[in-house]
């Protein structure tokens, strides 16, 4: 793991990256869908965890588009 993999994002940065509202990202965090780190009262999301989370939700099949 590199330092770049360990980069920490704020909720706002994740919100902007995903194109979701801040409240939607916070709900994902509260439900435990998105892994995070708590530093004092600050919530941070590790880049490598966000990439894994996105990869797990990536649909690679073209079957949906061929029907």
Protein backbone atom coordinates (compact mmCIF):
# COMPACT_ATOMS: atom_id res chain seq x y z
CA UNK A 1 0.00 0.00 0.00
CA UNK A 2 1.36 3.40 -0.94
CA UNK A 3 0.90 6.75 0.73
CA UNK A 4 -1.43 7.68 -2.12
CA UNK A 5 -3.61 4.61 -1.29
CA UNK A 6 -3.81 5.84 2.31
CA UNK A 7 -4.95 9.33 1.32
CA UNK A 8 -7.91 10.36 3.45
CA UNK A 9 -10.95 12.07 1.97
CA UNK A 10 -13.50 14.23 3.78
CA UNK A 11 -17.21 13.50 3.49
CA UNK A 12 -17.53 16.50 1.17
CA UNK A 13 -14.77 15.19 -1.13
CA UNK A 14 -16.47 11.78 -1.32
CA UNK A 15 -19.81 13.46 -1.92
CA UNK A 16 -18.40 15.45 -4.83
CA UNK A 17 -16.59 12.42 -6.25
CA UNK A 18 -19.69 10.20 -6.13
CA UNK A 19 -22.05 12.94 -7.28
CA UNK A 20 -24.32 12.33 -4.30
CA UNK A 21 -25.62 14.67 -1.65
CA UNK A 22 -23.68 15.01 1.57
CA UNK A 23 -26.63 13.56 3.48
CA UNK A 24 -26.65 10.48 1.20
CA UNK A 25 -22.96 9.86 1.92
CA UNK A 26 -23.54 10.33 5.66
CA UNK A 27 -26.42 7.82 5.55
CA UNK A 28 -24.12 5.30 3.85
CA UNK A 29 -21.60 5.86 6.64
CA UNK A 30 -24.23 5.49 9.37
CA UNK A 31 -25.56 2.27 7.84
CA UNK A 32 -22.03 0.87 7.66
CA UNK A 33 -22.09 0.62 3.86
CA UNK A 34 -19.01 2.75 3.42
CA UNK A 35 -15.95 2.14 5.62
CA UNK A 36 -14.52 5.16 7.40
CA UNK A 37 -12.00 6.32 9.98
CA UNK A 38 -12.89 8.56 12.88
CA UNK A 39 -10.20 11.04 13.99
CA UNK A 40 -11.54 12.91 17.02
CA UNK A 41 -14.87 14.14 15.66
CA UNK A 42 -13.75 14.14 12.02
CA UNK A 43 -14.86 11.39 9.64
CA UNK A 44 -12.40 10.40 6.91
CA UNK A 45 -12.62 7.81 4.12
CA UNK A 46 -9.45 6.10 2.97
CA UNK A 47 -8.94 6.23 -0.82
CA UNK A 48 -8.20 2.50 -1.02
CA UNK A 49 -11.41 1.69 0.92
CA UNK A 50 -13.46 3.90 -1.41
CA UNK A 51 -11.92 2.20 -4.45
CA UNK A 52 -12.73 -1.27 -3.03
CA UNK A 53 -16.26 -0.16 -2.20
CA UNK A 54 -16.78 1.09 -5.76
CA UNK A 55 -15.21 -2.03 -7.28
CA UNK A 56 -17.60 -4.24 -5.31
CA UNK A 57 -20.52 -2.32 -6.86
CA UNK A 58 -19.23 -2.32 -10.42
CA UNK A 59 -21.38 -4.34 -12.82
CA UNK A 60 -19.36 -5.73 -15.67
CA UNK A 61 -21.99 -7.80 -17.43
CA UNK A 62 -23.39 -6.52 -20.69
CA UNK A 63 -26.41 -8.81 -20.33
CA UNK A 64 -28.57 -5.92 -19.14
CA UNK A 65 -28.00 -4.02 -22.37
CA UNK A 66 -28.39 -6.90 -24.86
CA UNK A 67 -32.04 -7.73 -24.14
